[in-house]
Protein backbone atom coordinates (compact mmCIF):
# COMPACT_ATOMS: atom_id res chain seq x y z
CA MET A 1 0.00 0.00 0.00
CA ARG A 2 1.45 3.28 -1.08
CA ARG A 3 1.34 6.08 1.37
CA LEU A 4 2.50 9.71 1.16
CA ILE A 5 4.55 10.48 4.26
CA LEU A 6 4.92 14.06 5.43
CA THR A 7 8.37 14.29 6.96
CA ALA A 8 9.20 16.35 9.98
CA ALA A 9 11.42 18.46 7.75
CA ALA A 10 8.47 19.39 5.56
CA ALA A 11 6.37 20.09 8.64
CA ALA A 12 9.07 22.35 10.02
CA LEU A 13 9.29 24.17 6.70
CA ALA A 14 5.54 24.62 6.59
CA GLY A 15 5.61 26.00 10.13
CA GLY A 16 8.31 28.45 9.12
CA VAL A 17 6.24 29.73 6.19
CA ALA A 18 3.21 30.20 8.42
CA ALA A 19 5.25 32.11 10.99
CA THR A 20 6.58 34.43 8.29
CA ALA A 21 3.11 35.15 6.99
CA GLN A 22 1.75 35.98 10.45
CA GLN A 23 4.28 37.99 12.42
CA GLY A 24 4.04 37.39 16.15
CA VAL A 25 2.09 34.18 15.78
CA GLY A 26 3.75 30.87 16.59
CA GLN A 27 7.02 32.47 17.62
CA THR A 28 7.30 30.55 20.90
CA PRO A 29 8.88 27.10 20.38
CA ALA A 30 6.46 24.30 21.19
CA PRO A 31 7.63 21.74 23.77
CA TYR A 32 7.09 18.79 21.44
CA PRO A 33 9.81 16.52 19.99
CA LEU A 34 8.90 17.21 16.37
CA SER A 35 9.17 20.97 16.92
CA GLN A 36 12.97 20.67 16.94
CA GLY A 37 14.23 22.12 13.69
CA ILE A 38 16.94 21.05 11.30
CA ARG A 39 20.31 22.57 12.18
CA GLU A 40 23.99 21.77 11.84
CA ARG A 41 24.38 20.51 15.41
CA GLY A 42 22.49 20.23 18.67
CA SER A 43 19.14 18.95 17.39
CA SER A 44 17.35 15.63 17.92
CA VAL A 45 17.10 12.22 16.28
CA THR A 46 13.75 10.50 15.82
CA GLY A 47 13.12 6.90 14.89
CA ALA A 48 10.99 6.39 11.78
CA PHE A 49 8.53 3.52 11.67
CA GLU A 50 8.34 2.64 7.96
CA GLY A 51 5.69 -0.05 8.39
CA TRP A 52 5.47 -3.82 8.73
CA TYR A 53 5.69 -6.59 6.16
CA PHE A 54 5.42 -10.32 5.60
CA ASN A 55 8.68 -12.19 5.18
CA LYS A 56 8.90 -14.85 2.52
CA ASP A 57 8.50 -17.54 5.20
CA GLY A 58 5.22 -16.01 6.35
CA SER A 59 6.57 -14.36 9.50
CA VAL A 60 6.14 -10.65 10.18
CA SER A 61 8.81 -7.98 10.64
CA LEU A 62 8.78 -4.29 11.48
CA LEU A 63 10.80 -1.99 9.23
CA VAL A 64 12.46 0.96 10.98
CA GLY A 65 14.68 3.88 9.98
CA TYR A 66 15.45 7.25 11.56
CA PHE A 67 15.71 10.99 10.96
CA ASN A 68 18.77 12.82 12.29
CA ARG A 69 17.95 16.52 12.19
CA ASN A 70 21.62 17.46 12.47
CA THR A 71 23.13 18.16 9.05
CA ARG A 72 26.75 18.08 10.22
CA GLN A 73 26.62 15.93 13.35
CA GLU A 74 26.81 12.16 13.16
CA LEU A 75 26.12 10.60 16.53
CA ASP A 76 27.07 7.47 18.45
CA ILE A 77 24.41 6.40 20.96
CA PRO A 78 25.10 3.05 22.68
CA VAL A 79 22.24 0.68 23.36
CA GLY A 80 20.91 1.48 26.81
CA PRO A 81 18.85 4.21 28.49
CA ASN A 82 19.41 6.62 25.59
CA ASN A 83 18.82 4.10 22.79
CA ARG A 84 16.30 1.47 23.76
CA VAL A 85 13.51 -0.66 22.30
CA GLU A 86 10.82 -1.77 24.72
CA PRO A 87 9.52 -4.24 25.72
CA GLY A 88 11.97 -7.04 25.06
CA GLY A 89 14.99 -4.79 24.65
CA PRO A 90 16.77 -2.59 25.08
CA ASP A 91 18.66 -4.21 22.16
CA GLN A 92 16.57 -5.17 19.14
CA GLY A 93 19.24 -4.65 16.49
CA GLN A 94 18.87 -0.88 16.18
CA PRO A 95 21.82 1.24 15.03
CA THR A 96 24.19 2.90 17.47
CA HIS A 97 25.80 5.16 14.84
CA PHE A 98 23.48 7.72 13.27
CA LEU A 99 24.21 9.40 9.96
CA ALA A 100 22.90 12.87 9.18
CA GLY A 101 19.50 13.18 7.56
CA ARG A 102 16.82 10.61 6.80
CA GLN A 103 17.86 6.96 6.66
CA TYR A 104 15.29 4.43 5.46
CA GLY A 105 14.73 0.86 6.64
CA VAL A 106 18.01 0.66 8.53
CA PHE A 107 16.93 -2.36 10.57
CA SER A 108 14.06 -4.76 10.98
CA ILE A 109 12.56 -6.51 14.00
CA LYS A 110 11.15 -9.99 13.45
CA LEU A 111 8.07 -10.46 15.59
CA PRO A 112 6.99 -13.55 17.51
CA LYS A 113 3.90 -15.37 16.28
CA ASP A 114 1.86 -14.28 19.30
CA PHE A 115 2.66 -10.56 18.90
CA GLY A 116 -0.93 -9.74 17.90
CA LYS A 117 -1.95 -6.17 18.66
CA LYS A 118 0.97 -5.46 20.97
CA LYS A 119 3.25 -2.49 20.39
CA LEU A 120 6.94 -1.71 20.67
CA THR A 121 8.56 1.65 21.30
CA TRP A 122 11.97 2.99 20.30
CA THR A 123 13.34 5.81 22.43
CA LEU A 124 16.30 8.01 21.49
CA VAL A 125 17.80 10.64 23.77
CA VAL A 126 20.09 12.98 21.82
CA ASN A 127 21.48 16.38 22.77
CA GLY A 128 19.15 16.41 25.78
CA LEU A 129 16.08 15.81 23.59
CA THR A 130 13.95 12.66 23.98
CA ASN A 131 11.88 11.18 21.15
CA THR A 132 9.86 7.96 21.28
CA ILE A 133 8.06 6.27 18.40
CA THR A 134 5.52 3.43 18.46
CA MET A 135 5.78 0.36 16.21
CA HIS A 136 2.85 -1.94 15.55
CA THR A 137 1.06 -4.11 12.98
CA SER A 138 -1.91 -1.92 12.18
CA PRO A 139 -3.35 -2.88 8.74
CA ASP A 140 -2.85 0.68 7.49
CA TRP A 141 0.91 0.33 7.88
CA ILE A 142 1.63 -2.74 5.79
CA VAL A 143 4.35 -2.22 3.16
CA GLU A 144 5.68 -4.27 0.25
CA PRO A 145 9.51 -4.07 0.33
CA PHE A 146 10.07 -7.15 -1.88
CA GLU A 147 7.98 -6.11 -4.89
CA ASP A 148 6.26 -2.92 -5.95
CA PRO A 149 2.66 -3.94 -6.72
CA ALA A 150 2.28 -1.17 -9.29
CA ASN A 151 5.11 -2.07 -11.69
CA LYS A 152 6.49 -5.35 -10.27
CA ASN A 153 9.85 -3.76 -9.53
CA THR A 154 12.07 -5.66 -7.09
CA PRO A 155 15.02 -4.56 -4.92
CA PRO A 156 18.59 -4.80 -6.24
CA LYS A 157 20.48 -8.01 -5.51
CA LEU A 158 23.69 -7.73 -3.49
CA GLN A 159 26.42 -10.35 -3.24
CA PHE A 160 29.61 -10.21 -1.21
CA ALA A 161 31.40 -12.99 -3.06
CA SER A 162 31.35 -13.85 -6.74
CA GLY A 163 28.52 -16.35 -7.13
CA GLY A 164 27.75 -16.07 -3.41
CA GLU A 165 24.49 -15.81 -1.52
CA VAL A 166 22.09 -13.11 -2.76
CA PHE A 167 20.66 -10.49 -0.40
CA SER A 168 17.68 -8.40 -1.45
CA GLY A 169 15.27 -6.16 0.41
CA PRO A 170 15.28 -5.27 4.12
CA PRO A 171 18.17 -6.44 6.32
CA SER A 172 17.63 -9.85 7.89
CA ALA A 173 21.00 -11.49 8.62
CA ILE A 174 24.75 -10.97 8.52
CA ALA A 175 25.67 -11.10 4.84
CA ALA A 176 29.45 -11.47 5.29
CA ARG A 177 32.11 -11.57 7.99
CA TYR A 178 35.58 -10.08 7.76
CA THR A 179 38.68 -9.71 9.90
CA ALA A 180 40.75 -6.52 9.77
CA THR A 181 43.63 -4.79 11.53
CA VAL A 182 43.67 -1.25 12.91
CA GLY A 183 45.10 1.15 10.33
CA THR A 184 45.10 -1.36 7.45
CA PRO A 185 42.46 -0.75 4.75
CA LEU A 186 39.94 -3.59 4.40
CA PRO A 187 38.70 -4.20 0.82
CA LEU A 188 34.91 -4.36 0.54
CA THR A 189 33.72 -5.76 -2.76
CA THR A 190 30.08 -6.07 -3.73
CA TRP A 191 28.31 -7.39 -6.78
CA ILE A 192 25.04 -5.65 -7.57
CA SER A 193 22.37 -6.35 -10.17
CA ASP A 194 18.81 -5.21 -10.72
CA GLU A 195 16.03 -6.36 -13.01
CA GLY A 196 14.04 -3.15 -12.96
CA PRO A 197 10.25 -2.89 -13.27
CA LYS A 198 8.42 -5.59 -15.23
CA ILE A 199 5.34 -3.65 -16.37
CA HIS A 200 4.45 -0.02 -17.12
CA ILE A 201 8.04 0.69 -18.20
CA PRO A 202 8.54 4.15 -19.73
CA GLU A 203 9.06 4.01 -23.49
CA PRO A 204 12.53 5.66 -23.56
CA ARG A 205 13.89 2.87 -21.40
CA ARG A 206 12.33 0.18 -23.59
CA THR A 207 14.04 1.48 -26.72
CA ALA A 208 17.43 2.36 -25.24
CA ALA A 209 19.14 -0.10 -27.60
CA ARG A 210 18.32 -2.61 -30.33
CA GLY A 211 19.67 -6.06 -31.02
CA SER A 212 20.75 -7.51 -34.37
CA SER A 213 17.14 -8.43 -35.09
CA GLY A 214 16.01 -4.86 -34.51
CA ALA A 215 14.10 -5.74 -31.34
CA ALA A 216 14.29 -3.26 -28.47
CA ILE A 217 16.64 -4.21 -25.64
CA PRO A 218 15.77 -2.67 -22.26
CA ALA A 219 18.62 -0.62 -20.82
CA PRO A 220 19.79 -1.83 -17.41
CA PRO A 221 18.45 0.34 -14.60
CA PRO A 222 20.94 2.52 -12.75
CA VAL A 223 22.23 1.07 -9.48
CA ALA A 224 24.34 2.41 -6.62
CA VAL A 225 26.05 1.12 -3.49
CA PHE A 226 26.50 3.12 -0.29
CA TRP A 227 28.64 2.04 2.70
CA SER A 228 28.14 3.32 6.25
CA VAL A 229 28.66 2.32 9.88
CA MET A 230 25.77 0.65 11.67
CA ARG A 231 27.53 -0.14 14.96
CA GLY A 232 31.08 0.15 16.22
CA PRO A 233 33.33 1.42 19.01
CA ALA A 234 35.12 4.04 16.89
CA ALA A 235 35.06 5.93 13.61
CA VAL A 236 35.52 4.18 10.27
CA MET A 237 37.04 5.82 7.21
CA PHE A 238 35.74 4.76 3.79
CA ASP A 239 37.86 5.72 0.82
CA LYS A 240 34.73 5.68 -1.35
CA ALA A 241 31.48 5.44 0.58
CA ARG A 242 29.73 5.44 -2.82
CA PRO A 243 32.11 3.47 -5.04
CA ALA A 244 31.87 3.44 -8.82
CA ILE A 245 30.19 0.38 -10.31
CA GLU A 246 31.84 -1.32 -13.26
CA ARG A 247 30.22 -4.35 -14.83
CA GLY A 248 28.10 -4.87 -11.76
CA GLN A 249 31.01 -4.77 -9.31
CA ALA A 250 31.97 -2.09 -6.78
CA THR A 251 34.99 -1.97 -4.49
CA ALA A 252 35.63 0.30 -1.51
CA THR A 253 37.98 0.12 1.46
CA ALA A 254 37.30 0.69 5.15
CA THR A 255 40.00 1.72 7.63
CA PHE A 256 39.40 1.27 11.35
CA ASN A 257 40.88 3.46 14.09
CA ALA A 258 40.34 1.10 17.03
CA PRO A 259 39.95 -2.63 17.64
CA GLY A 260 36.56 -4.16 18.35
CA GLU A 261 33.44 -5.53 16.73
CA TYR A 262 31.87 -3.48 13.94
CA LEU A 263 28.72 -3.78 11.87
CA LEU A 264 28.75 -2.05 8.49
CA ARG A 265 25.72 -1.42 6.31
CA ALA A 266 25.77 -1.82 2.54
CA GLN A 267 22.82 -0.13 0.86
CA GLY A 268 21.95 -1.01 -2.72
CA ASN A 269 19.72 1.38 -4.67
CA ASP A 270 18.03 1.28 -8.04
CA SER A 271 16.44 4.20 -9.89
CA THR A 272 13.80 4.62 -7.15
CA GLY A 273 16.46 6.05 -4.82
CA ASP A 274 16.65 6.02 -1.03
CA GLY A 275 13.70 4.30 0.57
CA GLY A 276 12.15 3.74 -2.84
CA GLY A 277 11.20 7.41 -2.94
CA GLY A 278 9.31 6.96 0.34
CA PHE A 279 7.33 3.90 -0.79
CA GLN A 280 9.66 1.34 0.88
CA CYS A 281 10.42 -0.48 -2.36
CA CYS A 282 12.79 -1.04 -4.02
CA TRP A 283 16.19 -0.92 -2.30
CA THR A 284 18.38 -3.32 -0.31
CA ASN A 285 20.13 -3.04 3.06
CA ALA A 286 22.63 -5.70 4.14
CA TYR A 287 25.01 -5.97 7.07
CA VAL A 288 28.61 -7.15 7.17
CA ALA A 289 30.38 -7.87 10.45
CA VAL A 290 34.04 -6.95 10.93
CA THR A 291 36.29 -8.08 13.77
CA VAL A 292 39.12 -5.55 14.04
CA LYS A 293 42.35 -6.54 15.77
CA ALA A 294 44.98 -4.22 17.20
CA SER A 295 47.96 -3.56 14.96
CA ALA A 296 51.24 -5.27 15.77
CA PRO A 297 53.56 -3.24 18.02
């Protein structure tokens, strides 16, 4: 089910326009979490409940992202009182490193069969500001992250070894495991492919090229890979967070500043962009785990 989502950013912008039109009205900041505006630093982070969906095995998962209102402040919030999912938490696989801006479908929570009409909450305390969202399985919030019902588009397919296991859609498991050393770049190679929509394809894409018989050959849809930190004890430096893709293959390197256990997120996009343009299809998030050892003395 497609749903137009009004972001907090748009709401803040609308509020700003109204305040300009009526001088003296609405000038006092409201004491609500969503009243915090977008700024370079010092603002809040709010979880974003994208919706819930059926897994291919028939189970149900919640799809969750977040909105960091700080444009120049990435944040590390350990699981605990300031970053907790309840009940059953505080750890339900949520991120502890928060990029700037809106991040879609960063993690999923697989629900027990007896979940029913229960609800979960995700609370984030950032820069002294507390925001809590509610997650549930209301029928109005069902999404289709594995296939767009309108044009039969599907998420890109990611692989972390040539001919290896394929990952597509919301994150569900660790896709690959690596070992690295502090200060030594770790190569991260991904293979990405995408079939594109199956029906209602715009005519220019259908006739992008022609074979020897003169029949139209659909042009491959554009794809992209984006690397970021999901969890980790210290900063990670990517030489190319958005590496170039050549013949379906992209390579980046990650350099770690401290030993420990890290979880990196590889996001694969097709032409629909981040979060499928807000419709939750079609893009892929996958995790890779990295054990980083101290460098030799």
